[in-house]
N, C-alpha and C. Protein backbone atom coordinates (compact mmCIF):
# COMPACT_ATOMS: atom_id res chain seq x y z
N MET A 1 87.32 219.62 -25.97
CA MET A 1 87.68 220.72 -26.05
C MET A 1 89.43 219.97 -26.57
N LEU A 2 89.30 220.32 -27.52
CA LEU A 2 90.74 220.41 -28.16
C LEU A 2 92.02 220.93 -27.66
N THR A 3 92.73 220.72 -27.73
CA THR A 3 93.83 221.46 -27.34
C THR A 3 94.73 221.66 -28.80
N ASN A 4 95.73 222.96 -28.01
CA ASN A 4 95.64 223.38 -29.41
C ASN A 4 97.19 221.91 -30.55
N GLU A 5 97.27 221.77 -29.54
CA GLU A 5 98.46 220.34 -30.29
C GLU A 5 96.75 219.54 -30.61
N GLU A 6 95.95 219.87 -30.77
CA GLU A 6 95.48 218.58 -31.07
C GLU A 6 95.00 219.18 -32.68
N LEU A 7 94.67 219.87 -32.57
CA LEU A 7 94.02 220.91 -33.81
C LEU A 7 95.02 220.73 -34.76
N LEU A 8 96.32 221.39 -34.18
CA LEU A 8 97.30 221.23 -35.33
C LEU A 8 97.09 219.97 -35.90
N LEU A 9 97.19 218.56 -35.73
CA LEU A 9 97.21 217.75 -36.01
C LEU A 9 96.37 217.28 -36.89
N ILE A 10 95.17 217.87 -37.04
CA ILE A 10 93.88 217.76 -38.39
C ILE A 10 94.57 217.56 -39.15
N GLN A 11 93.53 216.96 -40.30
CA GLN A 11 94.05 216.91 -41.02
C GLN A 11 92.30 216.58 -42.58
N GLY A 12 92.88 218.00 -43.31
CA GLY A 12 91.68 218.00 -44.38
C GLY A 12 91.19 217.31 -44.78
N GLY A 13 90.24 216.97 -45.26
CA GLY A 13 89.89 215.57 -47.02
C GLY A 13 90.37 216.00 -47.86
N GLY A 14 89.68 214.89 -48.73
CA GLY A 14 91.18 215.54 -50.47
C GLY A 14 90.01 216.11 -51.01
N ILE A 15 89.91 215.44 -52.52
CA ILE A 15 88.68 216.17 -53.39
C ILE A 15 87.16 216.39 -52.95
N SER A 16 86.93 217.27 -52.74
CA SER A 16 85.77 217.27 -52.48
C SER A 16 84.26 217.58 -54.08
N SER A 17 83.01 217.14 -53.60
CA SER A 17 82.29 217.31 -55.80
C SER A 17 82.24 218.56 -55.39
N THR A 18 82.23 219.63 -54.39
CA THR A 18 82.09 221.20 -54.28
C THR A 18 83.17 221.31 -54.82
N LEU A 19 84.38 221.35 -54.54
CA LEU A 19 85.99 221.81 -55.37
C LEU A 19 86.10 221.26 -56.69
N LEU A 20 85.04 220.56 -57.56
CA LEU A 20 85.30 219.54 -58.27
C LEU A 20 83.89 220.24 -59.44
N ASN A 21 83.17 220.65 -58.50
CA ASN A 21 81.71 221.29 -58.71
C ASN A 21 82.39 222.20 -59.55
N SER A 22 83.21 223.59 -58.29
CA SER A 22 83.57 225.05 -58.80
C SER A 22 84.50 225.06 -59.60
N VAL A 23 86.00 223.69 -59.58
CA VAL A 23 87.06 224.14 -60.88
C VAL A 23 86.20 223.70 -62.21
N SER A 24 85.15 223.01 -62.78
CA SER A 24 84.24 222.64 -63.69
C SER A 24 83.32 224.23 -64.09
N ARG A 25 82.72 224.67 -62.97
CA ARG A 25 82.60 225.90 -63.12
C ARG A 25 83.46 226.55 -64.24
N LEU A 26 84.73 227.33 -63.47
CA LEU A 26 85.76 227.82 -63.60
C LEU A 26 85.97 227.77 -64.35
N ILE A 27 86.22 226.38 -65.75
CA ILE A 27 87.21 226.59 -66.80
C ILE A 27 85.34 226.99 -67.37
N ASN A 28 84.39 226.13 -67.58
CA ASN A 28 83.00 226.62 -68.29
C ASN A 28 83.01 227.77 -68.22
N THR A 29 83.25 229.28 -67.72
CA THR A 29 83.75 230.04 -67.38
C THR A 29 84.79 230.89 -68.03
N ILE A 30 85.63 230.75 -67.69
CA ILE A 30 86.89 230.85 -68.81
C ILE A 30 87.11 230.11 -69.92
N LEU A 31 85.83 229.49 -70.94
CA LEU A 31 85.92 228.99 -72.15
C LEU A 31 84.56 230.37 -72.82
N ASP A 32 83.95 230.55 -72.09
CA ASP A 32 83.28 230.79 -72.36
C ASP A 32 83.01 232.16 -72.60
N LEU A 33 83.91 232.33 -72.19
CA LEU A 33 84.72 234.24 -71.93
C LEU A 33 85.77 234.21 -73.57
N GLY A 34 86.31 233.20 -73.49
CA GLY A 34 87.21 232.66 -75.39
C GLY A 34 86.66 233.08 -76.07
N LYS A 35 85.50 232.17 -76.31
CA LYS A 35 84.15 231.95 -77.17
C LYS A 35 83.19 233.68 -77.46
N THR A 36 83.17 234.42 -76.45
CA THR A 36 82.82 235.90 -76.64
C THR A 36 83.84 236.58 -77.07
N VAL A 37 85.27 237.09 -76.74
CA VAL A 37 86.19 237.61 -77.00
C VAL A 37 87.12 237.07 -78.07
N GLY A 38 86.91 236.04 -78.65
CA GLY A 38 87.12 235.75 -79.84
C GLY A 38 85.63 236.11 -81.08
N SER A 39 84.50 236.09 -80.38
CA SER A 39 83.81 236.23 -81.64
C SER A 39 84.53 237.79 -81.59
N ALA A 40 84.16 238.37 -80.94
CA ALA A 40 84.18 240.16 -81.63
C ALA A 40 85.91 240.23 -81.55
N ILE A 41 86.81 239.94 -81.46
CA ILE A 41 87.67 240.35 -82.57
C ILE A 41 87.30 240.32 -83.96
N ARG A 42 86.56 238.85 -83.87
CA ARG A 42 86.02 238.04 -85.65
C ARG A 42 84.84 239.45 -86.25
N ARG A 43 84.50 239.37 -85.27
CA ARG A 43 83.80 241.22 -86.13
C ARG A 43 84.29 242.06 -86.12
N ILE A 44 85.14 242.56 -85.23
CA ILE A 44 85.45 243.47 -86.34
C ILE A 44 86.79 242.84 -87.34
N ALA A 45 87.50 242.03 -86.70
CA ALA A 45 88.13 242.28 -88.36
C ALA A 45 87.75 242.04 -89.60
N ALA A 46 86.00 241.57 -88.87
CA ALA A 46 85.63 241.30 -90.89
C ALA A 46 84.98 242.82 -91.50
N LYS A 47 84.45 244.11 -89.79
CA LYS A 47 83.81 245.33 -90.35
C LYS A 47 82.56 244.36 -89.93
N ASN A 48 81.96 243.50 -89.09
CA ASN A 48 81.08 243.39 -89.51
C ASN A 48 79.67 243.59 -87.75
N TYR A 49 79.59 244.50 -87.73
CA TYR A 49 78.93 245.22 -86.47
C TYR A 49 77.49 245.49 -87.19
N CYS A 50 76.42 245.37 -84.96
CA CYS A 50 75.45 244.77 -85.37
C CYS A 50 75.04 246.75 -85.65
């Protein structure tokens, strides 16, 4: 079993593939949201409703 001092010395890893995947999905979600909002604003400005 590790002591408290040894536990404090443990360092985590660097950038993992899970982190990169999460950041990529976040960016894609933000871009999709921007496209949706932009499209809605354009339709409202042109008074082109469904």
